[in-house]
PDB file of N, CA and C in Angstrom:
ATOM      1  N   MET A   1       3.237 -18.897  22.461  1.00  0.00           N
ATOM      2  CA  MET A   1       3.879 -18.274  21.325  1.00  0.00           C
ATOM      3  C   MET A   1       2.945 -17.295  20.623  1.00  0.00           C
ATOM      4  N   GLY A   2       1.641 -17.642  20.547  1.00  0.00           N
ATOM      5  CA  GLY A   2       0.676 -16.799  19.861  1.00  0.00           C
ATOM      6  C   GLY A   2       0.446 -15.460  20.535  1.00  0.00           C
ATOM      7  N   LYS A   3       0.684 -15.399  21.837  1.00  0.00           N
ATOM      8  CA  LYS A   3       0.427 -14.140  22.534  1.00  0.00           C
ATOM      9  C   LYS A   3       1.463 -13.067  22.221  1.00  0.00           C
ATOM     10  N   TYR A   4       2.578 -13.453  21.616  1.00  0.00           N
ATOM     11  CA  TYR A   4       3.616 -12.484  21.272  1.00  0.00           C
ATOM     12  C   TYR A   4       3.460 -11.913  19.872  1.00  0.00           C
ATOM     13  N   ILE A   5       2.588 -12.481  19.083  1.00  0.00           N
ATOM     14  CA  ILE A   5       2.459 -12.050  17.685  1.00  0.00           C
ATOM     15  C   ILE A   5       1.928 -10.627  17.573  1.00  0.00           C
ATOM     16  N   LYS A   6       0.882 -10.294  18.320  1.00  0.00           N
ATOM     17  CA  LYS A   6       0.304  -8.942  18.223  1.00  0.00           C
ATOM     18  C   LYS A   6       1.301  -7.857  18.619  1.00  0.00           C
ATOM     19  N   PRO A   7       1.995  -7.979  19.769  1.00  0.00           N
ATOM     20  CA  PRO A   7       2.962  -6.922  20.113  1.00  0.00           C
ATOM     21  C   PRO A   7       4.111  -6.808  19.119  1.00  0.00           C
ATOM     22  N   VAL A   8       4.581  -7.939  18.608  1.00  0.00           N
ATOM     23  CA  VAL A   8       5.690  -7.897  17.647  1.00  0.00           C
ATOM     24  C   VAL A   8       5.244  -7.239  16.345  1.00  0.00           C
ATOM     25  N   LEU A   9       4.066  -7.616  15.852  1.00  0.00           N
ATOM     26  CA  LEU A   9       3.557  -6.992  14.623  1.00  0.00           C
ATOM     27  C   LEU A   9       3.299  -5.501  14.814  1.00  0.00           C
ATOM     28  N   THR A  10       2.774  -5.128  15.974  1.00  0.00           N
ATOM     29  CA  THR A  10       2.535  -3.713  16.252  1.00  0.00           C
ATOM     30  C   THR A  10       3.837  -2.928  16.210  1.00  0.00           C
ATOM     31  N   CYS A  11       4.880  -3.457  16.832  1.00  0.00           N
ATOM     32  CA  CYS A  11       6.188  -2.782  16.811  1.00  0.00           C
ATOM     33  C   CYS A  11       6.738  -2.688  15.391  1.00  0.00           C
ATOM     34  N   CYS A  12       6.590  -3.760  14.625  1.00  0.00           N
ATOM     35  CA  CYS A  12       7.077  -3.745  13.242  1.00  0.00           C
ATOM     36  C   CYS A  12       6.361  -2.686  12.411  1.00  0.00           C
ATOM     37  N   PHE A  13       5.049  -2.595  12.559  1.00  0.00           N
ATOM     38  CA  PHE A  13       4.290  -1.597  11.801  1.00  0.00           C
ATOM     39  C   PHE A  13       4.650  -0.175  12.234  1.00  0.00           C
ATOM     40  N   LEU A  14       4.876   0.030  13.521  1.00  0.00           N
ATOM     41  CA  LEU A  14       5.252   1.366  13.985  1.00  0.00           C
ATOM     42  C   LEU A  14       6.621   1.768  13.456  1.00  0.00           C
ATOM     43  N   ILE A  15       7.551   0.829  13.445  1.00  0.00           N
ATOM     44  CA  ILE A  15       8.885   1.134  12.929  1.00  0.00           C
ATOM     45  C   ILE A  15       8.838   1.355  11.415  1.00  0.00           C
ATOM     46  N   ALA A  16       8.081   0.537  10.700  1.00  0.00           N
ATOM     47  CA  ALA A  16       7.982   0.665   9.240  1.00  0.00           C
ATOM     48  C   ALA A  16       7.343   1.993   8.837  1.00  0.00           C
ATOM     49  N   GLN A  17       6.539   2.555   9.707  1.00  0.00           N
ATOM     50  CA  GLN A  17       5.867   3.820   9.407  1.00  0.00           C
ATOM     51  C   GLN A  17       6.875   4.935   9.166  1.00  0.00           C
ATOM     52  N   PHE A  18       7.985   4.930   9.892  1.00  0.00           N
ATOM     53  CA  PHE A  18       8.994   5.974   9.717  1.00  0.00           C
ATOM     54  C   PHE A  18       9.652   5.868   8.351  1.00  0.00           C
ATOM     55  N   TRP A  19       9.947   4.663   7.887  1.00  0.00           N
ATOM     56  CA  TRP A  19      10.554   4.482   6.572  1.00  0.00           C
ATOM     57  C   TRP A  19       9.572   4.846   5.471  1.00  0.00           C
ATOM     58  N   ALA A  20       8.315   4.520   5.647  1.00  0.00           N
ATOM     59  CA  ALA A  20       7.303   4.809   4.626  1.00  0.00           C
ATOM     60  C   ALA A  20       7.144   6.310   4.433  1.00  0.00           C
ATOM     61  N   SER A  21       7.119   7.068   5.513  1.00  0.00           N
ATOM     62  CA  SER A  21       6.954   8.510   5.380  1.00  0.00           C
ATOM     63  C   SER A  21       8.185   9.149   4.751  1.00  0.00           C
ATOM     64  N   ALA A  22       9.355   8.573   4.990  1.00  0.00           N
ATOM     65  CA  ALA A  22      10.568   9.105   4.364  1.00  0.00           C
ATOM     66  C   ALA A  22      10.511   8.896   2.858  1.00  0.00           C
ATOM     67  N   GLN A  23      10.018   7.770   2.421  1.00  0.00           N
ATOM     68  CA  GLN A  23       9.914   7.518   0.989  1.00  0.00           C
ATOM     69  C   GLN A  23       8.934   8.491   0.346  1.00  0.00           C
ATOM     70  N   CYS A  24       7.825   8.769   1.010  1.00  0.00           N
ATOM     71  CA  CYS A  24       6.858   9.715   0.456  1.00  0.00           C
ATOM     72  C   CYS A  24       7.471  11.102   0.297  1.00  0.00           C
ATOM     73  N   ALA A  25       8.259  11.514   1.252  1.00  0.00           N
ATOM     74  CA  ALA A  25       8.903  12.819   1.165  1.00  0.00           C
ATOM     75  C   ALA A  25       9.882  12.862  -0.003  1.00  0.00           C
ATOM     76  N   MET A  26      10.571  11.762  -0.241  1.00  0.00           N
ATOM     77  CA  MET A  26      11.506  11.712  -1.365  1.00  0.00           C
ATOM     78  C   MET A  26      10.768  11.787  -2.692  1.00  0.00           C
ATOM     79  N   CYS A  27       9.652  11.096  -2.785  1.00  0.00           N
ATOM     80  CA  CYS A  27       8.857  11.139  -4.015  1.00  0.00           C
ATOM     81  C   CYS A  27       8.306  12.545  -4.249  1.00  0.00           C
ATOM     82  N   LYS A  28       7.856  13.174  -3.181  1.00  0.00           N
ATOM     83  CA  LYS A  28       7.299  14.518  -3.304  1.00  0.00           C
ATOM     84  C   LYS A  28       8.370  15.500  -3.770  1.00  0.00           C
ATOM     85  N   ALA A  29       9.563  15.385  -3.190  1.00  0.00           N
ATOM     86  CA  ALA A  29      10.646  16.289  -3.581  1.00  0.00           C
ATOM     87  C   ALA A  29      11.025  16.081  -5.046  1.00  0.00           C
ATOM     88  N   THR A  30      11.066  14.836  -5.478  1.00  0.00           N
ATOM     89  CA  THR A  30      11.391  14.546  -6.881  1.00  0.00           C
ATOM     90  C   THR A  30      10.332  15.118  -7.813  1.00  0.00           C
ATOM     91  N   ALA A  31       9.073  14.952  -7.450  1.00  0.00           N
ATOM     92  CA  ALA A  31       7.990  15.461  -8.279  1.00  0.00           C
ATOM     93  C   ALA A  31       8.031  16.981  -8.357  1.00  0.00           C
ATOM     94  N   GLU A  32       8.269  17.636  -7.233  1.00  0.00           N
ATOM     95  CA  GLU A  32       8.331  19.104  -7.239  1.00  0.00           C
ATOM     96  C   GLU A  32       9.479  19.604  -8.093  1.00  0.00           C
ATOM     97  N   GLN A  33      10.634  18.954  -7.999  1.00  0.00           N
ATOM     98  CA  GLN A  33      11.782  19.379  -8.799  1.00  0.00           C
ATOM     99  C   GLN A  33      11.520  19.172 -10.295  1.00  0.00           C
ATOM    100  N   SER A  34      10.880  18.058 -10.628  1.00  0.00           N
ATOM    101  CA  SER A  34      10.640  17.808 -12.052  1.00  0.00           C
ATOM    102  C   SER A  34       9.618  18.788 -12.618  1.00  0.00           C
ATOM    103  N   ILE A  35       8.640  19.194 -11.810  1.00  0.00           N
ATOM    104  CA  ILE A  35       7.660  20.184 -12.267  1.00  0.00           C
ATOM    105  C   ILE A  35       8.339  21.528 -12.491  1.00  0.00           C
ATOM    106  N   GLU A  36       9.246  21.892 -11.592  1.00  0.00           N
ATOM    107  CA  GLU A  36       9.964  23.163 -11.734  1.00  0.00           C
ATOM    108  C   GLU A  36      10.826  23.168 -12.993  1.00  0.00           C
ATOM    109  N   GLN A  37      11.342  21.993 -13.357  1.00  0.00           N
ATOM    110  CA  GLN A  37      12.206  21.908 -14.534  1.00  0.00           C
ATOM    111  C   GLN A  37      11.411  21.694 -15.823  1.00  0.00           C
ATOM    112  N   GLY A  38      10.098  21.596 -15.701  1.00  0.00           N
ATOM    113  CA  GLY A  38       9.255  21.453 -16.880  1.00  0.00           C
ATOM    114  C   GLY A  38       9.085  20.023 -17.366  1.00  0.00           C
ATOM    115  N   SER A  39       9.491  19.076 -16.570  1.00  0.00           N
ATOM    116  CA  SER A  39       9.370  17.668 -16.961  1.00  0.00           C
ATOM    117  C   SER A  39       7.978  17.141 -16.634  1.00  0.00           C
ATOM    118  N   THR A  40       7.583  16.079 -17.320  1.00  0.00           N
ATOM    119  CA  THR A  40       6.276  15.472 -17.060  1.00  0.00           C
ATOM    120  C   THR A  40       6.390  14.204 -16.213  1.00  0.00           C
ATOM    121  N   SER A  41       7.537  13.956 -15.614  1.00  0.00           N
ATOM    122  CA  SER A  41       7.708  12.734 -14.829  1.00  0.00           C
ATOM    123  C   SER A  41       6.852  12.731 -13.567  1.00  0.00           C
ATOM    124  N   ALA A  42       6.395  13.895 -13.133  1.00  0.00           N
ATOM    125  CA  ALA A  42       5.531  13.947 -11.954  1.00  0.00           C
ATOM    126  C   ALA A  42       4.214  13.226 -12.227  1.00  0.00           C
ATOM    127  N   GLN A  43       3.745  13.281 -13.454  1.00  0.00           N
ATOM    128  CA  GLN A  43       2.523  12.559 -13.802  1.00  0.00           C
ATOM    129  C   GLN A  43       2.729  11.056 -13.663  1.00  0.00           C
ATOM    130  N   TRP A  44       3.908  10.573 -14.033  1.00  0.00           N
ATOM    131  CA  TRP A  44       4.206   9.145 -13.901  1.00  0.00           C
ATOM    132  C   TRP A  44       4.291   8.752 -12.437  1.00  0.00           C
ATOM    133  N   ILE A  45       4.825   9.628 -11.611  1.00  0.00           N
ATOM    134  CA  ILE A  45       4.899   9.337 -10.173  1.00  0.00           C
ATOM    135  C   ILE A  45       3.497   9.250  -9.592  1.00  0.00           C
ATOM    136  N   ASN A  46       2.634  10.167  -9.988  1.00  0.00           N
ATOM    137  CA  ASN A  46       1.247  10.106  -9.507  1.00  0.00           C
ATOM    138  C   ASN A  46       0.555   8.821  -9.965  1.00  0.00           C
ATOM    139  N   GLY A  47       0.797   8.410 -11.187  1.00  0.00           N
ATOM    140  CA  GLY A  47       0.243   7.152 -11.677  1.00  0.00           C
ATOM    141  C   GLY A  47       0.755   5.960 -10.883  1.00  0.00           C
ATOM    142  N   GLY A  48       2.033   5.993 -10.528  1.00  0.00           N
ATOM    143  CA  GLY A  48       2.614   4.925  -9.728  1.00  0.00           C
ATOM    144  C   GLY A  48       2.007   4.860  -8.341  1.00  0.00           C
ATOM    145  N   VAL A  49       1.745   6.019  -7.765  1.00  0.00           N
ATOM    146  CA  VAL A  49       1.125   6.061  -6.434  1.00  0.00           C
ATOM    147  C   VAL A  49      -0.283   5.480  -6.496  1.00  0.00           C
ATOM    148  N   ILE A  50      -1.024   5.836  -7.515  1.00  0.00           N
ATOM    149  CA  ILE A  50      -2.380   5.293  -7.659  1.00  0.00           C
ATOM    150  C   ILE A  50      -2.326   3.783  -7.860  1.00  0.00           C
ATOM    151  N   TYR A  51      -1.383   3.319  -8.665  1.00  0.00           N
ATOM    152  CA  TYR A  51      -1.218   1.883  -8.887  1.00  0.00           C
ATOM    153  C   TYR A  51      -0.925   1.168  -7.563  1.00  0.00           C
ATOM    154  N   MET A  52      -0.008   1.718  -6.775  1.00  0.00           N
ATOM    155  CA  MET A  52       0.330   1.095  -5.487  1.00  0.00           C
ATOM    156  C   MET A  52      -0.833   1.153  -4.509  1.00  0.00           C
ATOM    157  N   LEU A  53      -1.731   2.076  -4.676  1.00  0.00           N
ATOM    158  CA  LEU A  53      -2.899   2.184  -3.815  1.00  0.00           C
ATOM    159  C   LEU A  53      -3.977   1.187  -4.223  1.00  0.00           C
ATOM    160  N   VAL A  54      -4.206   1.035  -5.505  1.00  0.00           N
ATOM    161  CA  VAL A  54      -5.323   0.217  -5.988  1.00  0.00           C
ATOM    162  C   VAL A  54      -5.027  -1.278  -5.917  1.00  0.00           C
ATOM    163  N   VAL A  55      -3.835  -1.699  -6.269  1.00  0.00           N
ATOM    164  CA  VAL A  55      -3.529  -3.121  -6.388  1.00  0.00           C
ATOM    165  C   VAL A  55      -3.733  -3.888  -5.075  1.00  0.00           C
ATOM    166  N   PRO A  56      -3.255  -3.420  -3.934  1.00  0.00           N
ATOM    167  CA  PRO A  56      -3.500  -4.188  -2.707  1.00  0.00           C
ATOM    168  C   PRO A  56      -4.987  -4.311  -2.369  1.00  0.00           C
ATOM    169  N   TYR A  57      -5.742  -3.243  -2.544  1.00  0.00           N
ATOM    170  CA  TYR A  57      -7.179  -3.312  -2.259  1.00  0.00           C
ATOM    171  C   TYR A  57      -7.885  -4.255  -3.230  1.00  0.00           C
ATOM    172  N   LEU A  58      -7.474  -4.232  -4.463  1.00  0.00           N
ATOM    173  CA  LEU A  58      -8.054  -5.133  -5.448  1.00  0.00           C
ATOM    174  C   LEU A  58      -7.741  -6.590  -5.102  1.00  0.00           C
ATOM    175  N   ALA A  59      -6.497  -6.857  -4.732  1.00  0.00           N
ATOM    176  CA  ALA A  59      -6.113  -8.224  -4.361  1.00  0.00           C
ATOM    177  C   ALA A  59      -6.891  -8.702  -3.142  1.00  0.00           C
ATOM    178  N   ILE A  60      -7.003  -7.862  -2.130  1.00  0.00           N
ATOM    179  CA  ILE A  60      -7.753  -8.229  -0.925  1.00  0.00           C
ATOM    180  C   ILE A  60      -9.220  -8.439  -1.272  1.00  0.00           C
ATOM    181  N   GLY A  61      -9.767  -7.605  -2.127  1.00  0.00           N
ATOM    182  CA  GLY A  61     -11.157  -7.754  -2.541  1.00  0.00           C
ATOM    183  C   GLY A  61     -11.409  -9.069  -3.259  1.00  0.00           C
ATOM    184  N   ILE A  62     -10.486  -9.447  -4.149  1.00  0.00           N
ATOM    185  CA  ILE A  62     -10.630 -10.707  -4.875  1.00  0.00           C
ATOM    186  C   ILE A  62     -10.537 -11.890  -3.921  1.00  0.00           C
ATOM    187  N   ILE A  63      -9.587 -11.842  -3.007  1.00  0.00           N
ATOM    188  CA  ILE A  63      -9.442 -12.920  -2.029  1.00  0.00           C
ATOM    189  C   ILE A  63     -10.688 -13.022  -1.168  1.00  0.00           C
ATOM    190  N   PHE A  64     -11.184 -11.889  -0.707  1.00  0.00           N
ATOM    191  CA  PHE A  64     -12.382 -11.905   0.132  1.00  0.00           C
ATOM    192  C   PHE A  64     -13.574 -12.440  -0.647  1.00  0.00           C
ATOM    193  N   TYR A  65     -13.726 -12.046  -1.909  1.00  0.00           N
ATOM    194  CA  TYR A  65     -14.843 -12.509  -2.739  1.00  0.00           C
ATOM    195  C   TYR A  65     -14.791 -14.024  -2.927  1.00  0.00           C
ATOM    196  N   LYS A  66     -13.604 -14.541  -3.230  1.00  0.00           N
ATOM    197  CA  LYS A  66     -13.470 -15.990  -3.401  1.00  0.00           C
ATOM    198  C   LYS A  66     -13.749 -16.728  -2.099  1.00  0.00           C
ATOM    199  N   TRP A  67     -13.263 -16.178  -1.000  1.00  0.00           N
ATOM    200  CA  TRP A  67     -13.522 -16.795   0.301  1.00  0.00           C
ATOM    201  C   TRP A  67     -15.012 -16.788   0.593  1.00  0.00           C
ATOM    202  N   TYR A  68     -15.697 -15.692   0.357  1.00  0.00           N
ATOM    203  CA  TYR A  68     -17.125 -15.577   0.618  1.00  0.00           C
ATOM    204  C   TYR A  68     -17.923 -16.534  -0.275  1.00  0.00           C
ATOM    205  N   LYS A  69     -17.524 -16.617  -1.535  1.00  0.00           N
ATOM    206  CA  LYS A  69     -18.195 -17.510  -2.466  1.00  0.00           C
ATOM    207  C   LYS A  69     -18.051 -18.967  -2.011  1.00  0.00           C
ATOM    208  N   GLN A  70     -16.849 -19.340  -1.561  1.00  0.00           N
ATOM    209  CA  GLN A  70     -16.612 -20.693  -1.061  1.00  0.00           C
ATOM    210  C   GLN A  70     -17.409 -20.941   0.224  1.00  0.00           C
ATOM    211  N   TYR A  71     -17.480 -19.949   1.092  1.00  0.00           N
ATOM    212  CA  TYR A  71     -18.224 -20.072   2.342  1.00  0.00           C
ATOM    213  C   TYR A  71     -19.710 -20.289   2.075  1.00  0.00           C
ATOM    214  N   LYS A  72     -20.268 -19.522   1.136  1.00  0.00           N
ATOM    215  CA  LYS A  72     -21.690 -19.683   0.793  1.00  0.00           C
ATOM    216  C   LYS A  72     -21.940 -21.063   0.183  1.00  0.00           C
ATOM    217  N   LYS A  73     -20.999 -21.535  -0.630  1.00  0.00           N
ATOM    218  CA  LYS A  73     -21.144 -22.828  -1.273  1.00  0.00           C
ATOM    219  C   LYS A  73     -21.143 -23.953  -0.228  1.00  0.00           C
ATOM    220  N   GLU A  74     -20.257 -23.878   0.762  1.00  0.00           N
ATOM    221  CA  GLU A  74     -20.172 -24.891   1.801  1.00  0.00           C
ATOM    222  C   GLU A  74     -21.401 -24.827   2.733  1.00  0.00           C
ATOM    223  N   LYS A  75     -21.923 -23.642   2.926  1.00  0.00           N
ATOM    224  CA  LYS A  75     -23.064 -23.461   3.818  1.00  0.00           C
ATOM    225  C   LYS A  75     -24.334 -24.074   3.220  1.00  0.00           C
ATOM    226  N   ASN A  76     -24.492 -23.972   1.917  1.00  0.00           N
ATOM    227  CA  ASN A  76     -25.672 -24.520   1.237  1.00  0.00           C
ATOM    228  C   ASN A  76     -25.458 -25.977   1.057  1.00  0.00           C
TER     229      ASN A  76
END
């Protein structure tokens, strides 16, 4: 059963890539239209993108730090 996990996950990530790029194009089009109309909502979209970028890395960093701290504690 374990030998099928890598190919299935690879296919899922490849398929999800198409949906992700479509969402980015929609966000870009919305931001461009709002800038043309003089709205400041594009700044909020940029803030949202930064938030979505930082939070996963921060969560992974915290998990890794706690895991490393526990590993060092068990090793000593």
